[in-house]
PDB file of N, CA and C in Angstrom:
ATOM      1  N   MET A   1     -18.048   6.385 -31.666  1.00  0.00           N
ATOM      2  CA  MET A   1     -16.977   5.429 -31.423  1.00  0.00           C
ATOM      3  C   MET A   1     -15.717   6.139 -30.921  1.00  0.00           C
ATOM      4  N   LYS A   2     -15.388   7.277 -31.529  1.00  0.00           N
ATOM      5  CA  LYS A   2     -14.202   8.020 -31.100  1.00  0.00           C
ATOM      6  C   LYS A   2     -14.342   8.478 -29.651  1.00  0.00           C
ATOM      7  N   LYS A   3     -15.568   8.868 -29.276  1.00  0.00           N
ATOM      8  CA  LYS A   3     -15.793   9.302 -27.897  1.00  0.00           C
ATOM      9  C   LYS A   3     -15.597   8.139 -26.928  1.00  0.00           C
ATOM     10  N   LEU A   4     -16.031   6.961 -27.318  1.00  0.00           N
ATOM     11  CA  LEU A   4     -15.868   5.787 -26.471  1.00  0.00           C
ATOM     12  C   LEU A   4     -14.392   5.459 -26.284  1.00  0.00           C
ATOM     13  N   VAL A   5     -13.634   5.480 -27.368  1.00  0.00           N
ATOM     14  CA  VAL A   5     -12.198   5.201 -27.299  1.00  0.00           C
ATOM     15  C   VAL A   5     -11.509   6.248 -26.422  1.00  0.00           C
ATOM     16  N   ALA A   6     -11.868   7.506 -26.605  1.00  0.00           N
ATOM     17  CA  ALA A   6     -11.282   8.576 -25.800  1.00  0.00           C
ATOM     18  C   ALA A   6     -11.616   8.390 -24.320  1.00  0.00           C
ATOM     19  N   ALA A   7     -12.845   7.995 -24.026  1.00  0.00           N
ATOM     20  CA  ALA A   7     -13.254   7.783 -22.638  1.00  0.00           C
ATOM     21  C   ALA A   7     -12.473   6.629 -22.007  1.00  0.00           C
ATOM     22  N   VAL A   8     -12.261   5.574 -22.770  1.00  0.00           N
ATOM     23  CA  VAL A   8     -11.496   4.432 -22.263  1.00  0.00           C
ATOM     24  C   VAL A   8     -10.059   4.843 -21.991  1.00  0.00           C
ATOM     25  N   ILE A   9      -9.459   5.580 -22.892  1.00  0.00           N
ATOM     26  CA  ILE A   9      -8.079   6.031 -22.717  1.00  0.00           C
ATOM     27  C   ILE A   9      -7.963   6.922 -21.482  1.00  0.00           C
ATOM     28  N   VAL A  10      -8.875   7.852 -21.312  1.00  0.00           N
ATOM     29  CA  VAL A  10      -8.853   8.736 -20.141  1.00  0.00           C
ATOM     30  C   VAL A  10      -9.005   7.919 -18.861  1.00  0.00           C
ATOM     31  N   SER A  11      -9.895   6.926 -18.879  1.00  0.00           N
ATOM     32  CA  SER A  11     -10.085   6.075 -17.699  1.00  0.00           C
ATOM     33  C   SER A  11      -8.821   5.317 -17.353  1.00  0.00           C
ATOM     34  N   LEU A  12      -8.150   4.786 -18.361  1.00  0.00           N
ATOM     35  CA  LEU A  12      -6.921   4.036 -18.127  1.00  0.00           C
ATOM     36  C   LEU A  12      -5.806   4.923 -17.599  1.00  0.00           C
ATOM     37  N   LEU A  13      -5.740   6.138 -18.101  1.00  0.00           N
ATOM     38  CA  LEU A  13      -4.710   7.064 -17.624  1.00  0.00           C
ATOM     39  C   LEU A  13      -4.994   7.524 -16.204  1.00  0.00           C
ATOM     40  N   ALA A  14      -6.257   7.635 -15.839  1.00  0.00           N
ATOM     41  CA  ALA A  14      -6.628   8.083 -14.498  1.00  0.00           C
ATOM     42  C   ALA A  14      -6.552   6.955 -13.480  1.00  0.00           C
ATOM     43  N   ALA A  15      -6.605   5.727 -13.932  1.00  0.00           N
ATOM     44  CA  ALA A  15      -6.671   4.578 -13.022  1.00  0.00           C
ATOM     45  C   ALA A  15      -5.507   4.507 -12.023  1.00  0.00           C
ATOM     46  N   PRO A  16      -4.252   4.680 -12.437  1.00  0.00           N
ATOM     47  CA  PRO A  16      -3.173   4.586 -11.442  1.00  0.00           C
ATOM     48  C   PRO A  16      -3.327   5.561 -10.285  1.00  0.00           C
ATOM     49  N   SER A  17      -3.765   6.782 -10.555  1.00  0.00           N
ATOM     50  CA  SER A  17      -3.946   7.733  -9.458  1.00  0.00           C
ATOM     51  C   SER A  17      -5.118   7.324  -8.577  1.00  0.00           C
ATOM     52  N   ALA A  18      -6.140   6.709  -9.164  1.00  0.00           N
ATOM     53  CA  ALA A  18      -7.260   6.220  -8.371  1.00  0.00           C
ATOM     54  C   ALA A  18      -6.804   5.063  -7.485  1.00  0.00           C
ATOM     55  N   TRP A  19      -5.975   4.168  -8.039  1.00  0.00           N
ATOM     56  CA  TRP A  19      -5.447   3.052  -7.239  1.00  0.00           C
ATOM     57  C   TRP A  19      -4.594   3.587  -6.095  1.00  0.00           C
ATOM     58  N   ALA A  20      -3.768   4.576  -6.383  1.00  0.00           N
ATOM     59  CA  ALA A  20      -2.916   5.145  -5.336  1.00  0.00           C
ATOM     60  C   ALA A  20      -3.759   5.778  -4.245  1.00  0.00           C
ATOM     61  N   ALA A  21      -4.829   6.460  -4.633  1.00  0.00           N
ATOM     62  CA  ALA A  21      -5.709   7.069  -3.641  1.00  0.00           C
ATOM     63  C   ALA A  21      -6.350   5.996  -2.779  1.00  0.00           C
ATOM     64  N   GLY A  22      -6.807   4.917  -3.388  1.00  0.00           N
ATOM     65  CA  GLY A  22      -7.391   3.811  -2.636  1.00  0.00           C
ATOM     66  C   GLY A  22      -6.372   3.162  -1.721  1.00  0.00           C
ATOM     67  N   ALA A  23      -5.155   2.976  -2.219  1.00  0.00           N
ATOM     68  CA  ALA A  23      -4.085   2.377  -1.419  1.00  0.00           C
ATOM     69  C   ALA A  23      -3.721   3.294  -0.253  1.00  0.00           C
ATOM     70  N   SER A  24      -3.725   4.593  -0.494  1.00  0.00           N
ATOM     71  CA  SER A  24      -3.437   5.547   0.575  1.00  0.00           C
ATOM     72  C   SER A  24      -4.491   5.441   1.671  1.00  0.00           C
ATOM     73  N   ASP A  25      -5.749   5.351   1.277  1.00  0.00           N
ATOM     74  CA  ASP A  25      -6.837   5.198   2.251  1.00  0.00           C
ATOM     75  C   ASP A  25      -6.685   3.886   3.026  1.00  0.00           C
ATOM     76  N   THR A  26      -6.356   2.802   2.313  1.00  0.00           N
ATOM     77  CA  THR A  26      -6.159   1.506   2.962  1.00  0.00           C
ATOM     78  C   THR A  26      -4.990   1.584   3.937  1.00  0.00           C
ATOM     79  N   PHE A  27      -3.902   2.220   3.519  1.00  0.00           N
ATOM     80  CA  PHE A  27      -2.737   2.364   4.394  1.00  0.00           C
ATOM     81  C   PHE A  27      -3.127   3.106   5.668  1.00  0.00           C
ATOM     82  N   GLN A  28      -3.846   4.206   5.518  1.00  0.00           N
ATOM     83  CA  GLN A  28      -4.236   4.990   6.694  1.00  0.00           C
ATOM     84  C   GLN A  28      -5.151   4.190   7.618  1.00  0.00           C
ATOM     85  N   ALA A  29      -6.036   3.394   7.040  1.00  0.00           N
ATOM     86  CA  ALA A  29      -6.996   2.631   7.841  1.00  0.00           C
ATOM     87  C   ALA A  29      -6.382   1.390   8.486  1.00  0.00           C
ATOM     88  N   LYS A  30      -5.467   0.727   7.795  1.00  0.00           N
ATOM     89  CA  LYS A  30      -4.990  -0.578   8.257  1.00  0.00           C
ATOM     90  C   LYS A  30      -3.540  -0.585   8.732  1.00  0.00           C
ATOM     91  N   CYS A  31      -2.728   0.345   8.285  1.00  0.00           N
ATOM     92  CA  CYS A  31      -1.282   0.267   8.525  1.00  0.00           C
ATOM     93  C   CYS A  31      -0.726   1.400   9.390  1.00  0.00           C
ATOM     94  N   ALA A  32      -1.350   2.566   9.302  1.00  0.00           N
ATOM     95  CA  ALA A  32      -0.785   3.761   9.933  1.00  0.00           C
ATOM     96  C   ALA A  32      -0.691   3.660  11.457  1.00  0.00           C
ATOM     97  N   ALA A  33      -1.552   2.869  12.086  1.00  0.00           N
ATOM     98  CA  ALA A  33      -1.504   2.766  13.550  1.00  0.00           C
ATOM     99  C   ALA A  33      -0.130   2.292  14.021  1.00  0.00           C
ATOM    100  N   CYS A  34       0.483   1.399  13.273  1.00  0.00           N
ATOM    101  CA  CYS A  34       1.812   0.888  13.653  1.00  0.00           C
ATOM    102  C   CYS A  34       2.939   1.532  12.850  1.00  0.00           C
ATOM    103  N   HIS A  35       2.711   1.755  11.567  1.00  0.00           N
ATOM    104  CA  HIS A  35       3.774   2.266  10.696  1.00  0.00           C
ATOM    105  C   HIS A  35       3.839   3.788  10.668  1.00  0.00           C
ATOM    106  N   GLY A  36       2.857   4.452  11.269  1.00  0.00           N
ATOM    107  CA  GLY A  36       2.797   5.907  11.241  1.00  0.00           C
ATOM    108  C   GLY A  36       2.077   6.398  10.003  1.00  0.00           C
ATOM    109  N   LYS A  37       1.451   7.548  10.096  1.00  0.00           N
ATOM    110  CA  LYS A  37       0.685   8.100   8.975  1.00  0.00           C
ATOM    111  C   LYS A  37       1.548   8.305   7.740  1.00  0.00           C
ATOM    112  N   ASP A  38       2.825   8.616   7.946  1.00  0.00           N
ATOM    113  CA  ASP A  38       3.724   8.853   6.821  1.00  0.00           C
ATOM    114  C   ASP A  38       4.552   7.621   6.455  1.00  0.00           C
ATOM    115  N   GLY A  39       4.392   6.516   7.205  1.00  0.00           N
ATOM    116  CA  GLY A  39       5.106   5.283   6.908  1.00  0.00           C
ATOM    117  C   GLY A  39       6.548   5.254   7.367  1.00  0.00           C
ATOM    118  N   LYS A  40       6.984   6.287   8.054  1.00  0.00           N
ATOM    119  CA  LYS A  40       8.394   6.371   8.457  1.00  0.00           C
ATOM    120  C   LYS A  40       8.702   5.602   9.735  1.00  0.00           C
ATOM    121  N   GLY A  41       7.669   5.100  10.412  1.00  0.00           N
ATOM    122  CA  GLY A  41       7.896   4.295  11.604  1.00  0.00           C
ATOM    123  C   GLY A  41       8.447   5.071  12.780  1.00  0.00           C
ATOM    124  N   GLN A  42       8.048   6.323  12.934  1.00  0.00           N
ATOM    125  CA  GLN A  42       8.583   7.156  14.004  1.00  0.00           C
ATOM    126  C   GLN A  42       7.601   7.379  15.154  1.00  0.00           C
ATOM    127  N   SER A  43       6.396   6.805  15.063  1.00  0.00           N
ATOM    128  CA  SER A  43       5.437   6.963  16.154  1.00  0.00           C
ATOM    129  C   SER A  43       5.918   6.152  17.363  1.00  0.00           C
ATOM    130  N   ASP A  44       5.342   6.426  18.519  1.00  0.00           N
ATOM    131  CA  ASP A  44       5.713   5.679  19.723  1.00  0.00           C
ATOM    132  C   ASP A  44       5.470   4.184  19.527  1.00  0.00           C
ATOM    133  N   MET A  45       4.314   3.840  18.928  1.00  0.00           N
ATOM    134  CA  MET A  45       3.988   2.438  18.685  1.00  0.00           C
ATOM    135  C   MET A  45       5.006   1.812  17.739  1.00  0.00           C
ATOM    136  N   ALA A  46       5.355   2.525  16.684  1.00  0.00           N
ATOM    137  CA  ALA A  46       6.313   2.003  15.701  1.00  0.00           C
ATOM    138  C   ALA A  46       7.673   1.756  16.348  1.00  0.00           C
ATOM    139  N   LYS A  47       8.109   2.685  17.155  1.00  0.00           N
ATOM    140  CA  LYS A  47       9.404   2.522  17.832  1.00  0.00           C
ATOM    141  C   LYS A  47       9.374   1.337  18.780  1.00  0.00           C
ATOM    142  N   LYS A  48       8.263   1.162  19.484  1.00  0.00           N
ATOM    143  CA  LYS A  48       8.117   0.043  20.418  1.00  0.00           C
ATOM    144  C   LYS A  48       8.174  -1.293  19.682  1.00  0.00           C
ATOM    145  N   LEU A  49       7.577  -1.337  18.484  1.00  0.00           N
ATOM    146  CA  LEU A  49       7.531  -2.564  17.696  1.00  0.00           C
ATOM    147  C   LEU A  49       8.761  -2.766  16.812  1.00  0.00           C
ATOM    148  N   GLY A  50       9.611  -1.760  16.710  1.00  0.00           N
ATOM    149  CA  GLY A  50      10.788  -1.864  15.853  1.00  0.00           C
ATOM    150  C   GLY A  50      10.450  -1.790  14.377  1.00  0.00           C
ATOM    151  N   VAL A  51       9.430  -1.019  14.042  1.00  0.00           N
ATOM    152  CA  VAL A  51       8.966  -0.892  12.659  1.00  0.00           C
ATOM    153  C   VAL A  51       9.995  -0.130  11.827  1.00  0.00           C
ATOM    154  N   LYS A  52      10.225  -0.612  10.624  1.00  0.00           N
ATOM    155  CA  LYS A  52      11.171   0.042   9.716  1.00  0.00           C
ATOM    156  C   LYS A  52      10.489   1.153   8.920  1.00  0.00           C
ATOM    157  N   ASP A  53      11.272   2.058   8.406  1.00  0.00           N
ATOM    158  CA  ASP A  53      10.805   3.156   7.561  1.00  0.00           C
ATOM    159  C   ASP A  53      10.393   2.597   6.203  1.00  0.00           C
ATOM    160  N   LEU A  54       9.098   2.575   5.929  1.00  0.00           N
ATOM    161  CA  LEU A  54       8.602   2.024   4.668  1.00  0.00           C
ATOM    162  C   LEU A  54       8.867   2.927   3.471  1.00  0.00           C
ATOM    163  N   THR A  55       9.183   4.186   3.724  1.00  0.00           N
ATOM    164  CA  THR A  55       9.396   5.108   2.607  1.00  0.00           C
ATOM    165  C   THR A  55      10.716   4.852   1.880  1.00  0.00           C
ATOM    166  N   VAL A  56      11.571   4.029   2.476  1.00  0.00           N
ATOM    167  CA  VAL A  56      12.874   3.745   1.857  1.00  0.00           C
ATOM    168  C   VAL A  56      13.085   2.246   1.609  1.00  0.00           C
ATOM    169  N   THR A  57      12.010   1.473   1.622  1.00  0.00           N
ATOM    170  CA  THR A  57      12.152   0.036   1.423  1.00  0.00           C
ATOM    171  C   THR A  57      12.708  -0.281   0.040  1.00  0.00           C
ATOM    172  N   LYS A  58      13.524  -1.301  -0.004  1.00  0.00           N
ATOM    173  CA  LYS A  58      14.110  -1.762  -1.270  1.00  0.00           C
ATOM    174  C   LYS A  58      13.470  -3.075  -1.722  1.00  0.00           C
ATOM    175  N   LEU A  59      12.483  -3.564  -0.954  1.00  0.00           N
ATOM    176  CA  LEU A  59      11.831  -4.821  -1.309  1.00  0.00           C
ATOM    177  C   LEU A  59      11.046  -4.673  -2.611  1.00  0.00           C
ATOM    178  N   PRO A  60      11.070  -5.700  -3.456  1.00  0.00           N
ATOM    179  CA  PRO A  60      10.248  -5.658  -4.669  1.00  0.00           C
ATOM    180  C   PRO A  60       8.764  -5.813  -4.301  1.00  0.00           C
ATOM    181  N   VAL A  61       7.910  -5.375  -5.202  1.00  0.00           N
ATOM    182  CA  VAL A  61       6.467  -5.408  -4.973  1.00  0.00           C
ATOM    183  C   VAL A  61       5.999  -6.804  -4.566  1.00  0.00           C
ATOM    184  N   ALA A  62       6.481  -7.834  -5.235  1.00  0.00           N
ATOM    185  CA  ALA A  62       6.043  -9.207  -4.933  1.00  0.00           C
ATOM    186  C   ALA A  62       6.367  -9.588  -3.490  1.00  0.00           C
ATOM    187  N   GLU A  63       7.507  -9.173  -2.993  1.00  0.00           N
ATOM    188  CA  GLU A  63       7.891  -9.479  -1.612  1.00  0.00           C
ATOM    189  C   GLU A  63       7.035  -8.676  -0.629  1.00  0.00           C
ATOM    190  N   ILE A  64       6.759  -7.432  -0.961  1.00  0.00           N
ATOM    191  CA  ILE A  64       5.894  -6.602  -0.109  1.00  0.00           C
ATOM    192  C   ILE A  64       4.503  -7.228  -0.034  1.00  0.00           C
ATOM    193  N   GLU A  65       4.007  -7.730  -1.164  1.00  0.00           N
ATOM    194  CA  GLU A  65       2.703  -8.403  -1.169  1.00  0.00           C
ATOM    195  C   GLU A  65       2.708  -9.590  -0.210  1.00  0.00           C
ATOM    196  N   LYS A  66       3.783 -10.374  -0.228  1.00  0.00           N
ATOM    197  CA  LYS A  66       3.877 -11.539   0.658  1.00  0.00           C
ATOM    198  C   LYS A  66       3.874 -11.112   2.130  1.00  0.00           C
ATOM    199  N   VAL A  67       4.588 -10.039   2.429  1.00  0.00           N
ATOM    200  CA  VAL A  67       4.626  -9.547   3.809  1.00  0.00           C
ATOM    201  C   VAL A  67       3.237  -9.084   4.231  1.00  0.00           C
ATOM    202  N   ILE A  68       2.551  -8.365   3.362  1.00  0.00           N
ATOM    203  CA  ILE A  68       1.198  -7.898   3.685  1.00  0.00           C
ATOM    204  C   ILE A  68       0.266  -9.101   3.881  1.00  0.00           C
ATOM    205  N   GLN A  69       0.363 -10.067   3.001  1.00  0.00           N
ATOM    206  CA  GLN A  69      -0.505 -11.248   3.090  1.00  0.00           C
ATOM    207  C   GLN A  69      -0.249 -12.056   4.358  1.00  0.00           C
ATOM    208  N   ASN A  70       1.005 -12.331   4.652  1.00  0.00           N
ATOM    209  CA  ASN A  70       1.366 -13.281   5.704  1.00  0.00           C
ATOM    210  C   ASN A  70       1.829 -12.649   7.005  1.00  0.00           C
ATOM    211  N   GLY A  71       2.035 -11.339   6.994  1.00  0.00           N
ATOM    212  CA  GLY A  71       2.571 -10.671   8.169  1.00  0.00           C
ATOM    213  C   GLY A  71       4.062 -10.955   8.302  1.00  0.00           C
ATOM    214  N   ARG A  72       4.672 -10.319   9.275  1.00  0.00           N
ATOM    215  CA  ARG A  72       6.094 -10.551   9.567  1.00  0.00           C
ATOM    216  C   ARG A  72       6.330 -10.109  11.005  1.00  0.00           C
ATOM    217  N   GLY A  73       6.937 -10.969  11.773  1.00  0.00           N
ATOM    218  CA  GLY A  73       7.147 -10.636  13.181  1.00  0.00           C
ATOM    219  C   GLY A  73       5.805 -10.427  13.858  1.00  0.00           C
ATOM    220  N   LYS A  74       5.600  -9.242  14.414  1.00  0.00           N
ATOM    221  CA  LYS A  74       4.358  -8.921  15.118  1.00  0.00           C
ATOM    222  C   LYS A  74       3.276  -8.374  14.185  1.00  0.00           C
ATOM    223  N   MET A  75       3.602  -8.246  12.901  1.00  0.00           N
ATOM    224  CA  MET A  75       2.652  -7.661  11.951  1.00  0.00           C
ATOM    225  C   MET A  75       1.489  -8.607  11.665  1.00  0.00           C
ATOM    226  N   THR A  76       0.303  -8.040  11.639  1.00  0.00           N
ATOM    227  CA  THR A  76      -0.917  -8.782  11.323  1.00  0.00           C
ATOM    228  C   THR A  76      -0.882  -9.274   9.889  1.00  0.00           C
ATOM    229  N   PRO A  77      -1.199 -10.539   9.635  1.00  0.00           N
ATOM    230  CA  PRO A  77      -1.366 -10.991   8.251  1.00  0.00           C
ATOM    231  C   PRO A  77      -2.715 -10.506   7.723  1.00  0.00           C
ATOM    232  N   TRP A  78      -2.720  -9.966   6.511  1.00  0.00           N
ATOM    233  CA  TRP A  78      -3.935  -9.377   5.947  1.00  0.00           C
ATOM    234  C   TRP A  78      -4.606 -10.248   4.892  1.00  0.00           C
ATOM    235  N   LYS A  79      -4.029 -11.413   4.602  1.00  0.00           N
ATOM    236  CA  LYS A  79      -4.644 -12.328   3.636  1.00  0.00           C
ATOM    237  C   LYS A  79      -6.021 -12.739   4.166  1.00  0.00           C
ATOM    238  N   GLY A  80      -7.033 -12.616   3.301  1.00  0.00           N
ATOM    239  CA  GLY A  80      -8.391 -12.939   3.697  1.00  0.00           C
ATOM    240  C   GLY A  80      -9.122 -11.773   4.347  1.00  0.00           C
ATOM    241  N   LYS A  81      -8.373 -10.742   4.749  1.00  0.00           N
ATOM    242  CA  LYS A  81      -8.976  -9.545   5.342  1.00  0.00           C
ATOM    243  C   LYS A  81      -9.010  -8.404   4.338  1.00  0.00           C
ATOM    244  N   LEU A  82      -8.024  -8.405   3.438  1.00  0.00           N
ATOM    245  CA  LEU A  82      -7.984  -7.469   2.306  1.00  0.00           C
ATOM    246  C   LEU A  82      -8.047  -8.304   1.040  1.00  0.00           C
ATOM    247  N   SER A  83      -8.632  -7.748  -0.001  1.00  0.00           N
ATOM    248  CA  SER A  83      -8.690  -8.463  -1.275  1.00  0.00           C
ATOM    249  C   SER A  83      -7.304  -8.505  -1.915  1.00  0.00           C
ATOM    250  N   ASP A  84      -7.128  -9.405  -2.866  1.00  0.00           N
ATOM    251  CA  ASP A  84      -5.856  -9.466  -3.602  1.00  0.00           C
ATOM    252  C   ASP A  84      -5.562  -8.145  -4.287  1.00  0.00           C
ATOM    253  N   ALA A  85      -6.604  -7.502  -4.810  1.00  0.00           N
ATOM    254  CA  ALA A  85      -6.421  -6.204  -5.477  1.00  0.00           C
ATOM    255  C   ALA A  85      -5.960  -5.138  -4.479  1.00  0.00           C
ATOM    256  N   GLU A  86      -6.552  -5.138  -3.286  1.00  0.00           N
ATOM    257  CA  GLU A  86      -6.145  -4.168  -2.263  1.00  0.00           C
ATOM    258  C   GLU A  86      -4.704  -4.410  -1.830  1.00  0.00           C
ATOM    259  N   ILE A  87      -4.347  -5.667  -1.656  1.00  0.00           N
ATOM    260  CA  ILE A  87      -2.972  -6.007  -1.260  1.00  0.00           C
ATOM    261  C   ILE A  87      -1.993  -5.595  -2.348  1.00  0.00           C
ATOM    262  N   GLY A  88      -2.335  -5.868  -3.604  1.00  0.00           N
ATOM    263  CA  GLY A  88      -1.471  -5.479  -4.721  1.00  0.00           C
ATOM    264  C   GLY A  88      -1.285  -3.975  -4.808  1.00  0.00           C
ATOM    265  N   ALA A  89      -2.378  -3.238  -4.671  1.00  0.00           N
ATOM    266  CA  ALA A  89      -2.297  -1.773  -4.731  1.00  0.00           C
ATOM    267  C   ALA A  89      -1.498  -1.228  -3.551  1.00  0.00           C
ATOM    268  N   LEU A  90      -1.715  -1.810  -2.374  1.00  0.00           N
ATOM    269  CA  LEU A  90      -0.986  -1.381  -1.194  1.00  0.00           C
ATOM    270  C   LEU A  90       0.506  -1.651  -1.325  1.00  0.00           C
ATOM    271  N   ALA A  91       0.864  -2.813  -1.890  1.00  0.00           N
ATOM    272  CA  ALA A  91       2.277  -3.158  -2.106  1.00  0.00           C
ATOM    273  C   ALA A  91       2.934  -2.172  -3.067  1.00  0.00           C
ATOM    274  N   LYS A  92       2.239  -1.826  -4.139  1.00  0.00           N
ATOM    275  CA  LYS A  92       2.783  -0.842  -5.097  1.00  0.00           C
ATOM    276  C   LYS A  92       2.926   0.532  -4.445  1.00  0.00           C
ATOM    277  N   PHE A  93       1.960   0.877  -3.605  1.00  0.00           N
ATOM    278  CA  PHE A  93       1.996   2.159  -2.904  1.00  0.00           C
ATOM    279  C   PHE A  93       3.221   2.215  -1.978  1.00  0.00           C
ATOM    280  N   VAL A  94       3.448   1.144  -1.238  1.00  0.00           N
ATOM    281  CA  VAL A  94       4.615   1.098  -0.333  1.00  0.00           C
ATOM    282  C   VAL A  94       5.914   1.094  -1.145  1.00  0.00           C
ATOM    283  N   ALA A  95       5.969   0.289  -2.203  1.00  0.00           N
ATOM    284  CA  ALA A  95       7.170   0.221  -3.040  1.00  0.00           C
ATOM    285  C   ALA A  95       7.495   1.576  -3.677  1.00  0.00           C
ATOM    286  N   GLY A  96       6.468   2.359  -3.918  1.00  0.00           N
ATOM    287  CA  GLY A  96       6.640   3.685  -4.510  1.00  0.00           C
ATOM    288  C   GLY A  96       6.953   4.764  -3.484  1.00  0.00           C
ATOM    289  N   GLY A  97       7.283   4.371  -2.275  1.00  0.00           N
ATOM    290  CA  GLY A  97       7.628   5.357  -1.257  1.00  0.00           C
ATOM    291  C   GLY A  97       6.414   6.019  -0.631  1.00  0.00           C
ATOM    292  N   LEU A  98       5.256   5.353  -0.699  1.00  0.00           N
ATOM    293  CA  LEU A  98       3.992   5.846  -0.170  1.00  0.00           C
ATOM    294  C   LEU A  98       3.508   7.092  -0.912  1.00  0.00           C
ATOM    295  N   LYS A  99       3.716   7.048  -2.242  1.00  0.00           N
ATOM    296  CA  LYS A  99       3.261   8.167  -3.089  1.00  0.00           C
ATOM    297  C   LYS A  99       2.382   7.629  -4.169  1.00  0.00           C
TER     298      LYS A  99
END
């Protein structure tokens, strides 16, 4: 029983880093083409689209989730293309400065 409890605790402590890793992969696959690999919006495409630096966003996680779901301006809406869990993890990743 103690081993089971210890395993659960270790899993819970490791989970945030696993979510961040998944969100990082999702960002690179779905967002980096426009926002840049580092999220700073300095690529040629980002400059052309007027993309803001995501590493300094002040938006709360809930607002970032809405932007990811519904898009904004020329941004693709991802609702129905990414799961709610992926959108939530991605929003937290962006809110955390892409770390």
